[in-house]
N, C-alpha and C. Protein backbone atom coordinates (compact mmCIF):
# COMPACT_ATOMS: atom_id res chain seq x y z
N MET A 1 -26.86 -20.22 -11.96
CA MET A 1 -26.12 -20.11 -11.94
C MET A 1 -26.57 -18.98 -12.44
N THR A 2 -26.93 -18.04 -11.68
CA THR A 2 -27.44 -16.44 -11.12
C THR A 2 -25.43 -15.52 -11.97
N ASP A 3 -25.24 -14.09 -12.92
CA ASP A 3 -25.11 -13.08 -12.78
C ASP A 3 -24.16 -11.78 -11.30
N ARG A 4 -25.75 -12.49 -10.60
CA ARG A 4 -25.03 -11.76 -9.51
C ARG A 4 -24.03 -12.27 -8.88
N ASN A 5 -23.42 -13.59 -8.48
CA ASN A 5 -22.93 -15.06 -7.63
C ASN A 5 -21.43 -14.39 -8.86
N LEU A 6 -21.94 -14.20 -9.35
CA LEU A 6 -19.45 -14.37 -10.21
C LEU A 6 -19.27 -12.25 -10.47
N PHE A 7 -18.15 -12.51 -10.25
CA PHE A 7 -17.17 -11.72 -10.17
C PHE A 7 -16.12 -11.35 -11.09
N SER A 8 -16.57 -10.31 -11.87
CA SER A 8 -16.05 -10.31 -13.25
C SER A 8 -14.45 -10.39 -13.27
N VAL A 9 -14.10 -10.45 -14.51
CA VAL A 9 -12.15 -10.54 -14.79
C VAL A 9 -10.96 -9.10 -13.75
N TYR A 10 -12.46 -8.60 -14.64
CA TYR A 10 -11.46 -6.83 -13.65
C TYR A 10 -12.03 -6.39 -12.56
N GLU A 11 -12.62 -7.38 -11.47
CA GLU A 11 -13.26 -6.72 -10.68
C GLU A 11 -12.08 -7.45 -10.02
N VAL A 12 -11.64 -9.04 -10.24
CA VAL A 12 -10.30 -10.02 -9.74
C VAL A 12 -9.44 -8.82 -10.01
N ALA A 13 -9.18 -8.47 -11.00
CA ALA A 13 -8.15 -8.10 -11.52
C ALA A 13 -7.83 -6.29 -10.19
N ARG A 14 -8.59 -5.98 -10.55
CA ARG A 14 -8.33 -4.80 -8.99
C ARG A 14 -8.79 -4.90 -8.05
N ALA A 15 -8.42 -5.96 -7.89
CA ALA A 15 -8.53 -6.35 -5.93
C ALA A 15 -7.22 -7.73 -5.88
N VAL A 16 -6.93 -7.78 -6.66
CA VAL A 16 -5.36 -8.08 -6.97
C VAL A 16 -4.14 -6.84 -7.03
N ALA A 17 -4.47 -5.96 -7.78
CA ALA A 17 -3.88 -5.47 -8.13
C ALA A 17 -3.69 -4.43 -5.88
N GLN A 18 -5.23 -4.34 -5.33
CA GLN A 18 -5.21 -3.38 -4.92
C GLN A 18 -4.06 -4.21 -3.56
N MET A 19 -4.63 -5.25 -3.20
CA MET A 19 -3.45 -6.43 -2.53
C MET A 19 -2.23 -5.87 -2.56
N GLY A 20 -1.84 -6.17 -3.31
CA GLY A 20 -0.68 -6.03 -4.64
C GLY A 20 0.06 -5.63 -4.57
N THR A 21 -0.50 -4.12 -4.57
CA THR A 21 -0.30 -2.55 -4.47
C THR A 21 0.87 -2.17 -2.69
N ALA A 22 -0.69 -3.15 -2.22
CA ALA A 22 -0.56 -3.03 -0.43
C ALA A 22 0.72 -3.64 0.70
N ALA A 23 0.15 -5.12 -0.70
CA ALA A 23 1.82 -6.20 0.41
C ALA A 23 2.77 -5.34 0.02
N ILE A 24 3.64 -4.86 -1.21
CA ILE A 24 5.18 -3.91 -1.71
C ILE A 24 4.95 -2.74 -0.35
N GLY A 25 3.63 -2.41 -0.76
CA GLY A 25 3.78 -1.75 0.51
C GLY A 25 4.10 -1.17 2.35
N LEU A 26 3.57 -2.51 2.10
CA LEU A 26 3.98 -3.50 4.13
C LEU A 26 5.46 -3.88 3.39
N GLN A 27 6.04 -4.33 2.49
CA GLN A 27 7.51 -5.50 2.39
C GLN A 27 8.12 -4.35 2.47
N ASN A 28 7.90 -2.85 1.96
CA ASN A 28 8.96 -2.33 2.59
C ASN A 28 8.46 -1.12 2.66
N PHE A 29 8.16 -0.77 4.61
CA PHE A 29 7.59 -0.39 5.42
C PHE A 29 8.62 -1.35 6.18
N ALA A 30 8.03 -2.98 6.24
CA ALA A 30 8.75 -3.45 7.36
C ALA A 30 10.64 -3.29 7.07
N THR A 31 10.93 -3.05 6.11
CA THR A 31 12.90 -3.55 5.75
C THR A 31 12.78 -1.81 5.67
N ARG A 32 12.32 -1.01 6.09
CA ARG A 32 12.66 0.05 5.34
C ARG A 32 13.06 1.13 7.75
N ILE A 33 11.68 -0.41 8.53
CA ILE A 33 11.99 -0.30 9.84
C ILE A 33 13.81 -0.50 10.24
N ILE A 34 13.30 -1.41 10.02
CA ILE A 34 15.20 -2.41 9.97
C ILE A 34 16.32 -2.00 9.88
N ASP A 35 16.24 -1.34 8.23
CA ASP A 35 17.00 -0.23 8.09
C ASP A 35 17.57 1.14 9.18
N HIS A 36 16.11 1.07 9.44
CA HIS A 36 16.06 2.49 10.49
C HIS A 36 16.53 2.29 12.52
N VAL A 37 16.46 1.60 12.10
CA VAL A 37 16.95 0.22 13.73
C VAL A 37 18.51 0.04 12.72
N ASN A 38 18.64 -0.87 12.45
CA ASN A 38 19.77 -1.27 11.82
C ASN A 38 21.46 0.06 11.72
N ALA A 39 20.57 1.12 11.15
CA ALA A 39 21.27 2.80 11.57
C ALA A 39 21.00 3.14 12.94
N GLY A 40 21.07 2.15 13.85
CA GLY A 40 21.13 3.32 15.05
C GLY A 40 19.22 4.15 15.16
N GLY A 41 19.29 4.37 14.16
CA GLY A 41 17.05 5.33 14.72
C GLY A 41 16.57 4.49 15.44
N GLN A 42 15.85 5.43 16.69
CA GLN A 42 15.64 5.53 17.36
C GLN A 42 14.09 4.42 17.25
N LEU A 43 13.66 3.49 17.69
CA LEU A 43 11.57 3.27 16.71
C LEU A 43 11.10 4.00 18.08
N ASP A 44 10.12 5.40 17.76
CA ASP A 44 9.21 5.37 18.14
C ASP A 44 8.46 6.27 17.73
N GLU A 45 6.73 6.54 18.07
CA GLU A 45 6.20 6.65 16.90
C GLU A 45 6.14 7.63 15.45
N GLN A 46 7.06 8.74 16.33
CA GLN A 46 6.71 9.42 15.01
C GLN A 46 7.59 9.29 13.60
N SER A 47 9.65 8.53 13.83
CA SER A 47 9.39 7.67 13.36
C SER A 47 8.74 7.00 12.11
N LEU A 48 7.83 5.82 12.97
CA LEU A 48 6.94 5.43 12.29
C LEU A 48 5.88 5.49 11.01
N VAL A 49 5.82 7.29 11.99
CA VAL A 49 5.08 8.10 10.88
C VAL A 49 5.67 8.37 9.59
N GLU A 50 6.78 8.79 9.66
CA GLU A 50 8.30 8.61 8.90
C GLU A 50 7.66 7.93 7.88
N LEU A 51 8.85 7.31 8.66
CA LEU A 51 8.72 5.48 7.50
C LEU A 51 7.17 4.97 6.75
N GLY A 52 5.82 5.67 7.43
CA GLY A 52 4.72 5.17 6.74
C GLY A 52 4.14 5.86 5.97
N ALA A 53 5.27 7.38 5.94
CA ALA A 53 4.72 8.41 4.40
C ALA A 53 5.61 8.07 3.72
N ALA A 54 7.36 7.93 3.86
CA ALA A 54 8.16 7.32 3.19
C ALA A 54 7.92 6.55 1.95
N CYS A 55 7.29 5.29 3.13
CA CYS A 55 6.07 4.05 1.80
C CYS A 55 5.72 4.44 1.51
N ILE A 56 4.00 5.59 1.49
CA ILE A 56 3.16 5.77 -0.03
C ILE A 56 3.77 6.52 -0.30
N GLY A 57 4.44 7.04 -0.21
CA GLY A 57 5.34 8.35 -1.36
C GLY A 57 5.95 6.64 -2.61
N ASN A 58 6.72 6.10 -1.64
CA ASN A 58 7.53 5.71 -2.81
C ASN A 58 6.42 4.42 -3.29
N ILE A 59 5.39 4.22 -3.27
CA ILE A 59 4.37 3.61 -4.10
C ILE A 59 3.65 4.32 -5.10
N LYS A 60 3.13 5.69 -4.36
CA LYS A 60 2.99 6.74 -5.47
C LYS A 60 3.96 7.10 -7.11
N ASN A 61 5.39 6.85 -6.45
CA ASN A 61 6.93 7.34 -7.34
C ASN A 61 6.46 6.44 -8.05
N GLY A 62 6.29 5.57 -7.46
CA GLY A 62 6.31 4.12 -9.03
C GLY A 62 5.26 3.74 -9.73
N LEU A 63 4.17 5.35 -9.61
CA LEU A 63 3.06 4.52 -10.65
C LEU A 63 2.54 5.07 -11.66
N VAL A 64 2.81 4.15 -12.60
CA VAL A 64 2.62 4.50 -13.88
C VAL A 64 1.95 5.48 -14.49
N GLU A 65 2.58 6.63 -14.88
CA GLU A 65 1.47 7.80 -15.52
C GLU A 65 0.75 7.51 -16.66
N GLY A 66 -0.79 8.34 -16.94
CA GLY A 66 -1.27 8.19 -18.42
C GLY A 66 -2.19 6.74 -18.01
N GLY A 67 -2.61 6.32 -17.24
CA GLY A 67 -3.38 4.65 -17.64
C GLY A 67 -4.70 5.76 -16.29
N GLY A 68 -5.42 5.25 -17.53
CA GLY A 68 -7.32 5.03 -17.70
C GLY A 68 -6.86 5.88 -15.84
N ILE A 69 -8.79 5.95 -16.26
CA ILE A 69 -9.05 6.11 -14.76
C ILE A 69 -9.29 5.74 -14.23
N GLU A 70 -10.04 4.00 -14.58
CA GLU A 70 -9.85 2.78 -13.98
C GLU A 70 -8.61 2.90 -12.53
N ASP A 71 -7.64 2.86 -14.29
CA ASP A 71 -6.28 2.77 -12.89
C ASP A 71 -6.04 3.02 -12.17
N ALA A 72 -6.44 4.72 -12.33
CA ALA A 72 -6.42 5.50 -10.92
C ALA A 72 -6.64 5.48 -10.30
N GLU A 73 -8.03 4.61 -10.14
CA GLU A 73 -9.33 4.54 -8.79
C GLU A 73 -8.99 3.69 -8.03
N THR A 74 -7.91 2.94 -9.39
CA THR A 74 -7.55 0.98 -8.43
C THR A 74 -6.37 1.23 -7.85
N MET A 75 -5.23 2.79 -8.37
CA MET A 75 -4.74 2.34 -7.64
C MET A 75 -4.73 4.05 -5.99
N ARG A 76 -5.78 4.91 -5.94
CA ARG A 76 -6.06 5.22 -5.14
C ARG A 76 -6.77 4.00 -4.06
N LEU A 77 -7.22 3.03 -3.93
CA LEU A 77 -8.03 2.97 -2.93
C LEU A 77 -7.16 1.53 -2.99
N ALA A 78 -5.59 1.68 -3.35
CA ALA A 78 -4.78 0.40 -3.10
C ALA A 78 -3.95 1.03 -1.84
N LEU A 79 -3.25 2.69 -2.33
CA LEU A 79 -2.84 4.22 -1.49
C LEU A 79 -3.73 3.82 -0.47
N ASP A 80 -4.76 4.39 -0.25
CA ASP A 80 -5.81 3.83 0.92
C ASP A 80 -6.14 1.90 1.94
N THR A 81 -5.89 1.63 1.13
CA THR A 81 -5.42 0.83 2.19
C THR A 81 -4.47 0.39 2.52
N LEU A 82 -3.25 1.16 1.61
CA LEU A 82 -1.78 0.61 2.36
C LEU A 82 -2.09 1.26 4.23
N GLN A 83 -2.90 2.20 3.00
CA GLN A 83 -2.38 3.78 4.09
C GLN A 83 -3.19 3.27 5.99
N LYS A 84 -4.25 2.53 5.71
CA LYS A 84 -5.06 1.07 6.61
C LYS A 84 -3.77 0.81 7.79
N PHE A 85 -3.38 -0.43 6.78
CA PHE A 85 -2.73 -0.91 7.46
C PHE A 85 -1.45 -0.73 7.91
N LEU A 86 -0.75 0.23 7.41
CA LEU A 86 -0.24 1.25 8.60
C LEU A 86 0.18 2.15 9.38
N ASP A 87 -1.19 2.06 9.52
CA ASP A 87 -2.46 3.32 10.60
C ASP A 87 -1.81 2.11 11.79
N GLY A 88 -2.85 0.82 11.11
CA GLY A 88 -3.05 0.13 12.02
C GLY A 88 -1.55 -0.56 12.96
N VAL A 89 -0.76 -0.74 11.99
CA VAL A 89 1.05 -0.95 13.12
C VAL A 89 1.53 -0.19 13.40
N ILE A 90 1.06 1.13 13.76
CA ILE A 90 2.28 2.14 14.45
C ILE A 90 0.85 2.92 14.68
N ARG A 91 -0.19 2.62 15.59
CA ARG A 91 -1.15 2.81 16.59
C ARG A 91 -1.02 1.69 17.33
N ARG A 92 -0.01 -0.06 16.79
CA ARG A 92 -0.20 -0.76 18.34
C ARG A 92 1.52 -0.48 19.29
């Protein structure tokens, strides 16, 4: 067995952190949409953009400060992934 076919535990943990963060953000987005509509808000592209931005802000505010460079990079990638997911939803 060669090392090139194996993922390090760190790489797997990093990918899980990215996808977990994106999943939490999408769940928050869905909750915000439901709350917005239940409150009588109109569901148009502008409101979706604003709700998505609030989700990104919520994730950023929840990040723990003082992490290492690797943690910051993981979270940056997670936020990029979440933004791509939100953009895909909003464009539909």
